[in-house]
Amino acid sequence: MTSTEAQDIFIKHANVPFDIEHIGDLTGRLKQTGRKASKADRLSLAGALAHAAFLAPDRTGEVYDAVSQAWLDKAIDTPKIATLGMQPEAAPTDLWDMFWAVVEDASAGKLDAAGITERTAALGGTMPPASVQRVAEMSYTFPGIADATTDSLPLKIDLADLAAQPAGSLGAEFHTLIVDNKFDLEVLDRAEIGLAELPYPLDYLNTRILQAHDLWHITAGYETTALHEIALSAFQMAQFGHNYSAQFLSIVAAVSALSPASGYKYLMDTITTAWVHGRETPPMMLIPWENVWHKSAAEIRTDFGISEYKRPHRADLIEKTAPLTAFIRMVANLFQIFKGSQQSIAKS
């Protein structure tokens, strides 16, 4: 299959509203065929995920529920996420050509962090203001979001408060993670990337997840590896419809469609199990982190009904097997790009 043929299949499915029964059937066929899964089928599913991420964000829950149930062959034990019942947004003229160029260059290892930042920002910049408002409205279809958000943005976390917490506490563990790895407490500067300019409640949600991303790692049981960053993206998306994560995963899916099918199972196992974990976990946006620094992660899991992620594969799979397959090399490269380009997508 030529690059042009692959792009045509992807765009065809990215532009057209997906039929949810077809998504289930397609996913089931991909699982059944395993290492022989066709590139056309993988491109079709990647197109549907991109359609939801960019043109119909309120259908994100619908499509990932269908994919996860078909891939894992079991129902999700939680109520369905409502859609807004809206027609999909019209794709900006250059959206898919730009998207596909990013996918091809990421697959070929041609992009550094600066390059992907600029080009991902350009992707988001093609979307009309109405699509951002739609994402804001969609947020309320997820459990707990209406109760989690406030009119004012969260106060900044004080590193000194974390340092004062007892040994074994979440605050102490978070402090060690930040200091030892030289992380920023909020990942990005909220003022510099203009989070306050987003419509409510996206201003609050995007600020809070920047603060809590590493707390979710610790509490929900996700390690700071490439595979688990992909997993946590699915978990965040399941928790509050994180459009940033939906766009990232659509790029991952498209990159994986261009690679040998041998690694596809690892990606799908990870995304679907983490999505279900997020769907079946009580809303973590409701956790008042500043009031529970003194408690251990285990105590917080008990208090808020959180189970740890049951990983289908070792967390460091990408790091340990990168020399083995083209797929793993592509995803490892894309992960490094993703880590360097969070600023460009954080406004979504």
C-alpha atoms as a PDB file:
ATOM      1  CA  MET A   1       0.000   0.000   0.000  1.00  0.00           C
ATOM      2  CA  THR A   2       1.415   3.379  -1.006  1.00  0.00           C
ATOM      3  CA  SER A   3       1.513   6.372   1.309  1.00  0.00           C
ATOM      4  CA  THR A   4      -1.141   8.087  -0.797  1.00  0.00           C
ATOM      5  CA  GLU A   5      -3.439   5.053  -0.600  1.00  0.00           C
ATOM      6  CA  ALA A   6      -2.975   4.894   3.174  1.00  0.00           C
ATOM      7  CA  GLN A   7      -3.726   8.600   3.527  1.00  0.00           C
ATOM      8  CA  ASP A   8      -6.864   8.251   1.402  1.00  0.00           C
ATOM      9  CA  ILE A   9      -8.215   5.448   3.611  1.00  0.00           C
ATOM     10  CA  PHE A  10      -7.487   7.425   6.766  1.00  0.00           C
ATOM     11  CA  ILE A  11      -9.086  10.639   5.490  1.00  0.00           C
ATOM     12  CA  LYS A  12     -12.150   8.806   4.241  1.00  0.00           C
ATOM     13  CA  HIS A  13     -12.867   7.519   7.744  1.00  0.00           C
ATOM     14  CA  ALA A  14     -11.771  10.698   9.509  1.00  0.00           C
ATOM     15  CA  ASN A  15     -14.263  12.775   7.541  1.00  0.00           C
ATOM     16  CA  VAL A  16     -17.314  10.528   7.816  1.00  0.00           C
ATOM     17  CA  PRO A  17     -19.375  10.050  11.026  1.00  0.00           C
ATOM     18  CA  PHE A  18     -18.747   6.532  12.261  1.00  0.00           C
ATOM     19  CA  ASP A  19     -21.414   3.900  12.811  1.00  0.00           C
ATOM     20  CA  ILE A  20     -20.921   2.552  16.322  1.00  0.00           C
ATOM     21  CA  GLU A  21     -21.846  -1.031  15.409  1.00  0.00           C
ATOM     22  CA  HIS A  22     -19.316  -0.946  12.603  1.00  0.00           C
ATOM     23  CA  ILE A  23     -16.671   0.250  15.062  1.00  0.00           C
ATOM     24  CA  GLY A  24     -17.361  -2.748  17.276  1.00  0.00           C
ATOM     25  CA  ASP A  25     -17.212  -5.145  14.329  1.00  0.00           C
ATOM     26  CA  LEU A  26     -14.024  -3.537  13.014  1.00  0.00           C
ATOM     27  CA  THR A  27     -12.331  -3.747  16.403  1.00  0.00           C
ATOM     28  CA  GLY A  28     -13.375  -7.357  16.802  1.00  0.00           C
ATOM     29  CA  ARG A  29     -11.892  -8.192  13.409  1.00  0.00           C
ATOM     30  CA  LEU A  30      -8.635  -6.443  14.311  1.00  0.00           C
ATOM     31  CA  LYS A  31      -8.343  -8.477  17.484  1.00  0.00           C
ATOM     32  CA  GLN A  32      -9.186 -11.744  15.755  1.00  0.00           C
ATOM     33  CA  THR A  33      -6.663 -11.246  12.968  1.00  0.00           C
ATOM     34  CA  GLY A  34      -3.942 -10.251  15.451  1.00  0.00           C
ATOM     35  CA  ARG A  35      -0.484 -10.073  13.858  1.00  0.00           C
ATOM     36  CA  LYS A  36      -2.145 -10.319  10.443  1.00  0.00           C
ATOM     37  CA  ALA A  37      -4.442  -7.331  11.031  1.00  0.00           C
ATOM     38  CA  SER A  38      -4.686  -5.410   7.790  1.00  0.00           C
ATOM     39  CA  LYS A  39      -3.288  -1.930   7.419  1.00  0.00           C
ATOM     40  CA  ALA A  40      -6.599  -0.833   5.886  1.00  0.00           C
ATOM     41  CA  ASP A  41      -8.546  -1.881   8.987  1.00  0.00           C
ATOM     42  CA  ARG A  42      -6.069  -0.178  11.304  1.00  0.00           C
ATOM     43  CA  LEU A  43      -6.244   2.999   9.228  1.00  0.00           C
ATOM     44  CA  SER A  44     -10.038   2.880   9.315  1.00  0.00           C
ATOM     45  CA  LEU A  45     -10.104   2.723  13.100  1.00  0.00           C
ATOM     46  CA  ALA A  46      -7.467   5.459  13.384  1.00  0.00           C
ATOM     47  CA  GLY A  47      -9.642   7.628  11.145  1.00  0.00           C
ATOM     48  CA  ALA A  48     -12.673   7.099  13.382  1.00  0.00           C
ATOM     49  CA  LEU A  49     -10.655   8.026  16.479  1.00  0.00           C
ATOM     50  CA  ALA A  50      -9.380  11.166  14.751  1.00  0.00           C
ATOM     51  CA  HIS A  51     -12.945  12.055  13.684  1.00  0.00           C
ATOM     52  CA  ALA A  52     -14.033  11.947  17.331  1.00  0.00           C
ATOM     53  CA  ALA A  53     -10.969  13.829  18.580  1.00  0.00           C
ATOM     54  CA  PHE A  54     -11.253  16.729  16.146  1.00  0.00           C
ATOM     55  CA  LEU A  55     -14.749  16.870  14.650  1.00  0.00           C
ATOM     56  CA  ALA A  56     -17.090  15.233  17.182  1.00  0.00           C
ATOM     57  CA  PRO A  57     -15.459  15.349  20.640  1.00  0.00           C
ATOM     58  CA  ASP A  58     -18.705  14.500  22.428  1.00  0.00           C
ATOM     59  CA  ARG A  59     -18.624  11.094  20.710  1.00  0.00           C
ATOM     60  CA  THR A  60     -15.259  10.228  22.251  1.00  0.00           C
ATOM     61  CA  GLY A  61     -16.878   8.233  25.046  1.00  0.00           C
ATOM     62  CA  GLU A  62     -19.125   6.402  22.618  1.00  0.00           C
ATOM     63  CA  VAL A  63     -16.332   5.299  20.300  1.00  0.00           C
ATOM     64  CA  TYR A  64     -13.851   4.290  23.011  1.00  0.00           C
ATOM     65  CA  ASP A  65     -16.533   2.342  24.861  1.00  0.00           C
ATOM     66  CA  ALA A  66     -17.295   0.426  21.666  1.00  0.00           C
ATOM     67  CA  VAL A  67     -13.627  -0.205  20.906  1.00  0.00           C
ATOM     68  CA  SER A  68     -12.848  -1.317  24.464  1.00  0.00           C
ATOM     69  CA  GLN A  69     -15.827  -3.618  24.793  1.00  0.00           C
ATOM     70  CA  ALA A  70     -15.041  -5.295  21.476  1.00  0.00           C
ATOM     71  CA  TRP A  71     -11.313  -5.607  22.126  1.00  0.00           C
ATOM     72  CA  LEU A  72     -11.670  -6.868  25.707  1.00  0.00           C
ATOM     73  CA  ASP A  73     -14.846  -8.834  24.966  1.00  0.00           C
ATOM     74  CA  LYS A  74     -16.674  -7.583  28.055  1.00  0.00           C
ATOM     75  CA  ALA A  75     -19.071  -4.824  29.024  1.00  0.00           C
ATOM     76  CA  ILE A  76     -17.997  -1.712  30.908  1.00  0.00           C
ATOM     77  CA  ASP A  77     -19.537  -1.645  34.385  1.00  0.00           C
ATOM     78  CA  THR A  78     -20.691   1.977  34.379  1.00  0.00           C
ATOM     79  CA  PRO A  79     -23.430   4.039  32.683  1.00  0.00           C
ATOM     80  CA  LYS A  80     -22.893   5.265  29.139  1.00  0.00           C
ATOM     81  CA  ILE A  81     -21.545   8.759  28.540  1.00  0.00           C
ATOM     82  CA  ALA A  82     -24.135  10.964  26.862  1.00  0.00           C
ATOM     83  CA  THR A  83     -23.430  12.687  23.559  1.00  0.00           C
ATOM     84  CA  LEU A  84     -24.561  16.211  22.680  1.00  0.00           C
ATOM     85  CA  GLY A  85     -26.463  14.975  19.652  1.00  0.00           C
ATOM     86  CA  MET A  86     -24.707  17.476  17.392  1.00  0.00           C
ATOM     87  CA  GLN A  87     -23.572  17.119  13.814  1.00  0.00           C
ATOM     88  CA  PRO A  88     -19.804  16.825  13.405  1.00  0.00           C
ATOM     89  CA  GLU A  89     -17.823  19.973  12.818  1.00  0.00           C
ATOM     90  CA  ALA A  90     -16.671  20.534   9.251  1.00  0.00           C
ATOM     91  CA  ALA A  91     -13.015  19.622   8.855  1.00  0.00           C
ATOM     92  CA  PRO A  92     -10.916  22.713   8.096  1.00  0.00           C
ATOM     93  CA  THR A  93      -9.509  22.568   4.575  1.00  0.00           C
ATOM     94  CA  ASP A  94      -5.962  21.610   5.494  1.00  0.00           C
ATOM     95  CA  LEU A  95      -6.585  19.650   8.717  1.00  0.00           C
ATOM     96  CA  TRP A  96      -6.117  16.093   7.500  1.00  0.00           C
ATOM     97  CA  ASP A  97      -3.259  16.856   5.134  1.00  0.00           C
ATOM     98  CA  MET A  98      -1.468  18.565   8.010  1.00  0.00           C
ATOM     99  CA  PHE A  99      -2.348  15.725  10.387  1.00  0.00           C
ATOM    100  CA  TRP A 100      -1.071  13.114   7.973  1.00  0.00           C
ATOM    101  CA  ALA A 101       2.176  14.975   7.401  1.00  0.00           C
ATOM    102  CA  VAL A 102       2.777  14.941  11.172  1.00  0.00           C
ATOM    103  CA  VAL A 103       2.051  11.203  11.297  1.00  0.00           C
ATOM    104  CA  GLU A 104       4.417  10.416   8.430  1.00  0.00           C
ATOM    105  CA  ASP A 105       7.235  12.543   9.796  1.00  0.00           C
ATOM    106  CA  ALA A 106       6.764  11.162  13.308  1.00  0.00           C
ATOM    107  CA  SER A 107       6.856   7.628  11.913  1.00  0.00           C
ATOM    108  CA  ALA A 108      10.067   8.385  10.061  1.00  0.00           C
ATOM    109  CA  GLY A 109      11.713  10.024  13.081  1.00  0.00           C
ATOM    110  CA  LYS A 110      12.083  13.348  11.280  1.00  0.00           C
ATOM    111  CA  LEU A 111      10.631  15.591  13.992  1.00  0.00           C
ATOM    112  CA  ASP A 112      12.213  16.979  17.109  1.00  0.00           C
ATOM    113  CA  ALA A 113      10.217  18.438  20.003  1.00  0.00           C
ATOM    114  CA  ALA A 114      10.332  21.975  18.607  1.00  0.00           C
ATOM    115  CA  GLY A 115       9.076  20.854  15.225  1.00  0.00           C
ATOM    116  CA  ILE A 116       6.170  18.823  16.565  1.00  0.00           C
ATOM    117  CA  THR A 117       5.228  21.657  18.923  1.00  0.00           C
ATOM    118  CA  GLU A 118       4.916  24.111  16.077  1.00  0.00           C
ATOM    119  CA  ARG A 119       3.025  21.736  13.815  1.00  0.00           C
ATOM    120  CA  THR A 120       0.645  20.415  16.461  1.00  0.00           C
ATOM    121  CA  ALA A 121      -0.153  23.976  17.450  1.00  0.00           C
ATOM    122  CA  ALA A 122      -0.946  24.637  13.803  1.00  0.00           C
ATOM    123  CA  LEU A 123      -3.285  21.617  13.777  1.00  0.00           C
ATOM    124  CA  GLY A 124      -5.220  22.955  16.746  1.00  0.00           C
ATOM    125  CA  GLY A 125      -5.212  26.404  15.232  1.00  0.00           C
ATOM    126  CA  THR A 126      -7.230  25.203  12.253  1.00  0.00           C
ATOM    127  CA  MET A 127     -10.233  24.382  14.457  1.00  0.00           C
ATOM    128  CA  PRO A 128     -12.959  27.045  14.779  1.00  0.00           C
ATOM    129  CA  PRO A 129     -13.906  28.582  18.162  1.00  0.00           C
ATOM    130  CA  ALA A 130     -17.169  26.627  18.113  1.00  0.00           C
ATOM    131  CA  SER A 131     -15.251  23.380  18.444  1.00  0.00           C
ATOM    132  CA  VAL A 132     -13.573  24.587  21.652  1.00  0.00           C
ATOM    133  CA  GLN A 133     -16.962  25.517  23.082  1.00  0.00           C
ATOM    134  CA  ARG A 134     -18.235  22.082  22.125  1.00  0.00           C
ATOM    135  CA  VAL A 135     -15.413  20.464  24.096  1.00  0.00           C
ATOM    136  CA  ALA A 136     -16.364  22.641  27.074  1.00  0.00           C
ATOM    137  CA  GLU A 137     -20.009  21.542  26.888  1.00  0.00           C
ATOM    138  CA  MET A 138     -18.971  17.927  26.409  1.00  0.00           C
ATOM    139  CA  SER A 139     -17.039  17.974  29.685  1.00  0.00           C
ATOM    140  CA  TYR A 140     -20.277  18.023  31.656  1.00  0.00           C
ATOM    141  CA  THR A 141     -21.350  14.678  30.196  1.00  0.00           C
ATOM    142  CA  PHE A 142     -18.662  12.993  32.327  1.00  0.00           C
ATOM    143  CA  PRO A 143     -19.448  12.007  35.939  1.00  0.00           C
ATOM    144  CA  GLY A 144     -18.472  14.449  38.663  1.00  0.00           C
ATOM    145  CA  ILE A 145     -17.291  17.292  36.448  1.00  0.00           C
ATOM    146  CA  ALA A 146     -20.136  19.631  37.350  1.00  0.00           C
ATOM    147  CA  ASP A 147     -19.233  19.197  41.033  1.00  0.00           C
ATOM    148  CA  ALA A 148     -15.474  19.334  40.526  1.00  0.00           C
ATOM    149  CA  THR A 149     -15.125  22.682  38.791  1.00  0.00           C
ATOM    150  CA  THR A 150     -15.290  26.179  40.261  1.00  0.00           C
ATOM    151  CA  ASP A 151     -15.388  29.688  38.830  1.00  0.00           C
ATOM    152  CA  SER A 152     -11.839  30.353  40.032  1.00  0.00           C
ATOM    153  CA  LEU A 153      -8.731  28.483  38.931  1.00  0.00           C
ATOM    154  CA  PRO A 154      -6.932  26.232  41.431  1.00  0.00           C
ATOM    155  CA  LEU A 155      -4.264  27.883  43.533  1.00  0.00           C
ATOM    156  CA  LYS A 156      -0.693  26.926  42.718  1.00  0.00           C
ATOM    157  CA  ILE A 157       0.780  24.047  44.700  1.00  0.00           C
ATOM    158  CA  ASP A 158       3.460  25.083  47.184  1.00  0.00           C
ATOM    159  CA  LEU A 159       6.596  22.920  47.095  1.00  0.00           C
ATOM    160  CA  ALA A 160       7.255  23.821  50.747  1.00  0.00           C
ATOM    161  CA  ASP A 161       3.911  22.312  51.729  1.00  0.00           C
ATOM    162  CA  LEU A 162       4.933  19.051  50.089  1.00  0.00           C
ATOM    163  CA  ALA A 163       8.330  19.070  51.776  1.00  0.00           C
ATOM    164  CA  ALA A 164       6.653  19.380  55.185  1.00  0.00           C
ATOM    165  CA  GLN A 165       4.606  16.188  54.776  1.00  0.00           C
ATOM    166  CA  PRO A 166       5.463  13.003  56.702  1.00  0.00           C
ATOM    167  CA  ALA A 167       7.465  10.179  55.194  1.00  0.00           C
ATOM    168  CA  GLY A 168       5.283   7.745  53.249  1.00  0.00           C
ATOM    169  CA  SER A 169       2.643  10.353  52.477  1.00  0.00           C
ATOM    170  CA  LEU A 170       1.461  11.323  49.023  1.00  0.00           C
ATOM    171  CA  GLY A 171       2.861  14.810  49.561  1.00  0.00           C
ATOM    172  CA  ALA A 172       6.300  13.432  50.372  1.00  0.00           C
ATOM    173  CA  GLU A 173       6.192  11.026  47.405  1.00  0.00           C
ATOM    174  CA  PHE A 174       5.106  13.820  45.082  1.00  0.00           C
ATOM    175  CA  HIS A 175       7.855  16.081  46.436  1.00  0.00           C
ATOM    176  CA  THR A 176      10.482  13.411  45.728  1.00  0.00           C
ATOM    177  CA  LEU A 177       9.164  12.851  42.208  1.00  0.00           C
ATOM    178  CA  ILE A 178       9.282  16.563  41.431  1.00  0.00           C
ATOM    179  CA  VAL A 179      12.689  17.272  42.965  1.00  0.00           C
ATOM    180  CA  ASP A 180      14.538  14.141  41.842  1.00  0.00           C
ATOM    181  CA  ASN A 181      13.347  14.470  38.248  1.00  0.00           C
ATOM    182  CA  LYS A 182      13.505  18.274  38.148  1.00  0.00           C
ATOM    183  CA  PHE A 183       9.854  18.398  37.092  1.00  0.00           C
ATOM    184  CA  ASP A 184       7.750  21.541  37.171  1.00  0.00           C
ATOM    185  CA  LEU A 185       4.892  21.396  39.676  1.00  0.00           C
ATOM    186  CA  GLU A 186       2.359  22.276  36.981  1.00  0.00           C
ATOM    187  CA  VAL A 187       4.249  20.868  33.959  1.00  0.00           C
ATOM    188  CA  LEU A 188       3.667  24.145  32.077  1.00  0.00           C
ATOM    189  CA  ASP A 189       3.209  27.797  32.950  1.00  0.00           C
ATOM    190  CA  ARG A 190      -0.571  28.301  33.040  1.00  0.00           C
ATOM    191  CA  ALA A 191      -0.304  31.994  32.177  1.00  0.00           C
ATOM    192  CA  GLU A 192       2.122  31.469  29.320  1.00  0.00           C
ATOM    193  CA  ILE A 193      -0.169  28.990  27.554  1.00  0.00           C
ATOM    194  CA  GLY A 194      -3.300  31.043  28.269  1.00  0.00           C
ATOM    195  CA  LEU A 195      -5.400  28.523  30.184  1.00  0.00           C
ATOM    196  CA  ALA A 196      -7.432  31.334  31.799  1.00  0.00           C
ATOM    197  CA  GLU A 197      -8.619  32.328  28.324  1.00  0.00           C
ATOM    198  CA  LEU A 198     -10.352  28.995  27.717  1.00  0.00           C
ATOM    199  CA  PRO A 199     -14.138  28.791  28.170  1.00  0.00           C
ATOM    200  CA  TYR A 200     -15.382  27.456  31.484  1.00  0.00           C
ATOM    201  CA  PRO A 201     -14.910  24.674  32.621  1.00  0.00           C
ATOM    202  CA  LEU A 202     -11.938  23.946  30.328  1.00  0.00           C
ATOM    203  CA  ASP A 203      -9.936  26.652  32.053  1.00  0.00           C
ATOM    204  CA  TYR A 204     -10.316  24.835  35.378  1.00  0.00           C
ATOM    205  CA  LEU A 205     -10.009  21.275  34.034  1.00  0.00           C
ATOM    206  CA  ASN A 206      -6.863  21.908  32.001  1.00  0.00           C
ATOM    207  CA  THR A 207      -5.213  23.767  34.856  1.00  0.00           C
ATOM    208  CA  ARG A 208      -6.095  21.057  37.356  1.00  0.00           C
ATOM    209  CA  ILE A 209      -4.845  18.185  35.201  1.00  0.00           C
ATOM    210  CA  LEU A 210      -1.521  19.969  34.706  1.00  0.00           C
ATOM    211  CA  GLN A 211      -1.244  20.070  38.496  1.00  0.00           C
ATOM    212  CA  ALA A 212      -2.547  16.544  39.033  1.00  0.00           C
ATOM    213  CA  HIS A 213      -1.069  14.585  36.118  1.00  0.00           C
ATOM    214  CA  ASP A 214       1.760  13.132  38.213  1.00  0.00           C
ATOM    215  CA  LEU A 215      -0.573  12.680  41.196  1.00  0.00           C
ATOM    216  CA  TRP A 216      -2.798  10.554  38.978  1.00  0.00           C
ATOM    217  CA  HIS A 217       0.284   8.547  37.987  1.00  0.00           C
ATOM    218  CA  ILE A 218       1.023   7.780  41.629  1.00  0.00           C
ATOM    219  CA  THR A 219      -2.510   7.237  42.892  1.00  0.00           C
ATOM    220  CA  ALA A 220      -4.001   5.331  39.968  1.00  0.00           C
ATOM    221  CA  GLY A 221      -0.946   3.116  39.535  1.00  0.00           C
ATOM    222  CA  TYR A 222       0.624   4.333  36.283  1.00  0.00           C
ATOM    223  CA  GLU A 223       4.390   4.432  35.966  1.00  0.00           C
ATOM    224  CA  THR A 224       6.308   7.198  34.192  1.00  0.00           C
ATOM    225  CA  THR A 225       7.193   5.089  31.140  1.00  0.00           C
ATOM    226  CA  ALA A 226       6.284   5.555  27.483  1.00  0.00           C
ATOM    227  CA  LEU A 227       3.615   2.846  27.508  1.00  0.00           C
ATOM    228  CA  HIS A 228       2.054   4.135  30.711  1.00  0.00           C
ATOM    229  CA  GLU A 229       1.945   7.707  29.412  1.00  0.00           C
ATOM    230  CA  ILE A 230      -0.166   6.332  26.578  1.00  0.00           C
ATOM    231  CA  ALA A 231      -2.245   4.452  29.145  1.00  0.00           C
ATOM    232  CA  LEU A 232      -2.710   7.500  31.362  1.00  0.00           C
ATOM    233  CA  SER A 233      -3.853   9.483  28.330  1.00  0.00           C
ATOM    234  CA  ALA A 234      -6.677   6.971  27.878  1.00  0.00           C
ATOM    235  CA  PHE A 235      -7.441   7.077  31.613  1.00  0.00           C
ATOM    236  CA  GLN A 236      -7.630  10.895  31.627  1.00  0.00           C
ATOM    237  CA  MET A 237      -9.829  10.852  28.551  1.00  0.00           C
ATOM    238  CA  ALA A 238     -12.201   8.414  30.242  1.00  0.00           C
ATOM    239  CA  GLN A 239     -12.329  10.527  33.380  1.00  0.00           C
ATOM    240  CA  PHE A 240     -13.277  13.885  31.879  1.00  0.00           C
ATOM    241  CA  GLY A 241     -13.152  13.663  28.086  1.00  0.00           C
ATOM    242  CA  HIS A 242      -9.672  15.188  27.903  1.00  0.00           C
ATOM    243  CA  ASN A 243      -9.545  16.358  24.283  1.00  0.00           C
ATOM    244  CA  TYR A 244      -5.775  16.780  24.497  1.00  0.00           C
ATOM    245  CA  SER A 245      -5.472  13.049  25.178  1.00  0.00           C
ATOM    246  CA  ALA A 246      -7.963  12.172  22.435  1.00  0.00           C
ATOM    247  CA  GLN A 247      -5.892  14.060  19.848  1.00  0.00           C
ATOM    248  CA  PHE A 248      -2.673  12.477  21.070  1.00  0.00           C
ATOM    249  CA  LEU A 249      -4.118   8.960  20.922  1.00  0.00           C
ATOM    250  CA  SER A 250      -5.489   9.534  17.430  1.00  0.00           C
ATOM    251  CA  ILE A 251      -1.947  10.375  16.315  1.00  0.00           C
ATOM    252  CA  VAL A 252      -0.613   7.263  18.079  1.00  0.00           C
ATOM    253  CA  ALA A 253      -3.251   5.123  16.347  1.00  0.00           C
ATOM    254  CA  ALA A 254      -2.394   6.565  12.940  1.00  0.00           C
ATOM    255  CA  VAL A 255       1.338   6.035  13.486  1.00  0.00           C
ATOM    256  CA  SER A 256       0.697   2.435  14.537  1.00  0.00           C
ATOM    257  CA  ALA A 257      -1.383   1.854  11.403  1.00  0.00           C
ATOM    258  CA  LEU A 258       1.676   2.571   9.270  1.00  0.00           C
ATOM    259  CA  SER A 259       3.827   0.077  11.148  1.00  0.00           C
ATOM    260  CA  PRO A 260       3.886  -3.744  11.200  1.00  0.00           C
ATOM    261  CA  ALA A 261       0.864  -5.284  12.874  1.00  0.00           C
ATOM    262  CA  SER A 262       3.029  -7.242  15.306  1.00  0.00           C
ATOM    263  CA  GLY A 263       2.972  -4.448  17.881  1.00  0.00           C
ATOM    264  CA  TYR A 264      -0.675  -3.474  17.480  1.00  0.00           C
ATOM    265  CA  LYS A 265      -1.908  -5.765  20.254  1.00  0.00           C
ATOM    266  CA  TYR A 266       0.277  -4.049  22.847  1.00  0.00           C
ATOM    267  CA  LEU A 267      -1.091  -0.637  21.944  1.00  0.00           C
ATOM    268  CA  MET A 268      -4.725  -1.752  21.919  1.00  0.00           C
ATOM    269  CA  ASP A 269      -4.416  -3.776  25.128  1.00  0.00           C
ATOM    270  CA  THR A 270      -2.981  -0.717  26.840  1.00  0.00           C
ATOM    271  CA  ILE A 271      -5.434   1.868  25.550  1.00  0.00           C
ATOM    272  CA  THR A 272      -8.547  -0.227  26.147  1.00  0.00           C
ATOM    273  CA  THR A 273      -7.667  -1.456  29.647  1.00  0.00           C
ATOM    274  CA  ALA A 274      -6.711   2.060  30.735  1.00  0.00           C
ATOM    275  CA  TRP A 275      -9.902   3.490  29.216  1.00  0.00           C
ATOM    276  CA  VAL A 276     -12.030   0.983  31.133  1.00  0.00           C
ATOM    277  CA  HIS A 277     -10.026   1.685  34.282  1.00  0.00           C
ATOM    278  CA  GLY A 278     -10.792   5.382  33.888  1.00  0.00           C
ATOM    279  CA  ARG A 279     -14.473   4.738  33.216  1.00  0.00           C
ATOM    280  CA  GLU A 280     -14.849   2.506  36.266  1.00  0.00           C
ATOM    281  CA  THR A 281     -12.854   4.746  38.630  1.00  0.00           C
ATOM    282  CA  PRO A 282     -14.742   7.443  40.607  1.00  0.00           C
ATOM    283  CA  PRO A 283     -13.978  10.957  39.302  1.00  0.00           C
ATOM    284  CA  MET A 284     -10.508  11.899  40.489  1.00  0.00           C
ATOM    285  CA  MET A 285     -11.186  15.553  39.661  1.00  0.00           C
ATOM    286  CA  LEU A 286     -13.151  15.587  42.918  1.00  0.00           C
ATOM    287  CA  ILE A 287     -10.114  14.788  45.068  1.00  0.00           C
ATOM    288  CA  PRO A 288      -9.016  17.840  47.117  1.00  0.00           C
ATOM    289  CA  TRP A 289      -5.311  17.056  46.852  1.00  0.00           C
ATOM    290  CA  GLU A 290      -4.216  19.950  49.032  1.00  0.00           C
ATOM    291  CA  ASN A 291      -6.231  18.496  51.924  1.00  0.00           C
ATOM    292  CA  VAL A 292      -4.809  14.973  51.697  1.00  0.00           C
ATOM    293  CA  TRP A 293      -1.058  15.516  51.278  1.00  0.00           C
ATOM    294  CA  HIS A 294      -0.506  13.891  54.667  1.00  0.00           C
ATOM    295  CA  LYS A 295      -2.138  10.600  53.632  1.00  0.00           C
ATOM    296  CA  SER A 296      -0.464   7.765  51.761  1.00  0.00           C
ATOM    297  CA  ALA A 297      -1.448   6.909  48.194  1.00  0.00           C
ATOM    298  CA  ALA A 298      -2.932   3.649  49.504  1.00  0.00           C
ATOM    299  CA  GLU A 299      -5.093   5.540  52.016  1.00  0.00           C
ATOM    300  CA  ILE A 300      -6.299   7.907  49.306  1.00  0.00           C
ATOM    301  CA  ARG A 301      -7.191   4.980  47.058  1.00  0.00           C
ATOM    302  CA  THR A 302      -9.263   3.518  49.882  1.00  0.00           C
ATOM    303  CA  ASP A 303     -10.927   6.832  50.740  1.00  0.00           C
ATOM    304  CA  PHE A 304     -11.949   7.569  47.141  1.00  0.00           C
ATOM    305  CA  GLY A 305     -12.602   4.053  45.844  1.00  0.00           C
ATOM    306  CA  ILE A 306      -9.674   3.972  43.418  1.00  0.00           C
ATOM    307  CA  SER A 307      -8.157   0.703  42.232  1.00  0.00           C
ATOM    308  CA  GLU A 308      -4.653   0.524  40.789  1.00  0.00           C
ATOM    309  CA  TYR A 309      -4.249  -0.036  37.060  1.00  0.00           C
ATOM    310  CA  LYS A 310      -3.952  -3.725  36.196  1.00  0.00           C
ATOM    311  CA  ARG A 311      -1.361  -3.557  33.468  1.00  0.00           C
ATOM    312  CA  PRO A 312      -1.708  -6.075  30.639  1.00  0.00           C
ATOM    313  CA  HIS A 313       2.010  -5.743  29.831  1.00  0.00           C
ATOM    314  CA  ARG A 314       5.144  -4.653  31.653  1.00  0.00           C
ATOM    315  CA  ALA A 315       5.264  -0.894  32.049  1.00  0.00           C
ATOM    316  CA  ASP A 316       8.707  -0.533  30.456  1.00  0.00           C
ATOM    317  CA  LEU A 317       7.859  -2.618  27.391  1.00  0.00           C
ATOM    318  CA  ILE A 318       8.747   0.151  24.941  1.00  0.00           C
ATOM    319  CA  GLU A 319      12.049   0.955  26.605  1.00  0.00           C
ATOM    320  CA  LYS A 320      13.049  -2.719  26.857  1.00  0.00           C
ATOM    321  CA  THR A 321      11.979  -3.821  23.385  1.00  0.00           C
ATOM    322  CA  ALA A 322      12.675  -0.735  21.283  1.00  0.00           C
ATOM    323  CA  PRO A 323      15.303  -2.491  19.150  1.00  0.00           C
ATOM    324  CA  LEU A 324      12.960  -5.315  18.209  1.00  0.00           C
ATOM    325  CA  THR A 325      10.204  -3.919  16.016  1.00  0.00           C
ATOM    326  CA  ALA A 326       9.505  -0.931  13.828  1.00  0.00           C
ATOM    327  CA  PHE A 327       6.252  -0.348  15.672  1.00  0.00           C
ATOM    328  CA  ILE A 328       7.930  -0.035  19.047  1.00  0.00           C
ATOM    329  CA  ARG A 329      10.537   2.317  17.607  1.00  0.00           C
ATOM    330  CA  MET A 330       7.805   4.506  16.129  1.00  0.00           C
ATOM    331  CA  VAL A 331       5.814   4.687  19.346  1.00  0.00           C
ATOM    332  CA  ALA A 332       8.927   5.328  21.413  1.00  0.00           C
ATOM    333  CA  ASN A 333       9.821   8.206  19.087  1.00  0.00           C
ATOM    334  CA  LEU A 334       6.285   9.566  19.208  1.00  0.00           C
ATOM    335  CA  PHE A 335       6.323   9.405  23.007  1.00  0.00           C
ATOM    336  CA  GLN A 336       9.460  11.548  23.123  1.00  0.00           C
ATOM    337  CA  ILE A 337       7.804  14.007  20.739  1.00  0.00           C
ATOM    338  CA  PHE A 338       4.677  14.015  22.902  1.00  0.00           C
ATOM    339  CA  LYS A 339       6.620  14.756  26.066  1.00  0.00           C
ATOM    340  CA  GLY A 340       8.268  17.722  24.348  1.00  0.00           C
ATOM    341  CA  SER A 341       5.099  19.102  22.826  1.00  0.00           C
ATOM    342  CA  GLN A 342       2.604  19.213  25.685  1.00  0.00           C
ATOM    343  CA  GLN A 343       2.398  22.989  25.414  1.00  0.00           C
ATOM    344  CA  SER A 344       0.922  22.816  21.929  1.00  0.00           C
ATOM    345  CA  ILE A 345      -1.915  20.492  22.895  1.00  0.00           C
ATOM    346  CA  ALA A 346      -2.648  21.601  26.449  1.00  0.00           C
ATOM    347  CA  LYS A 347      -5.064  24.269  25.246  1.00  0.00           C
ATOM    348  CA  SER A 348      -7.357  21.637  23.679  1.00  0.00           C
END
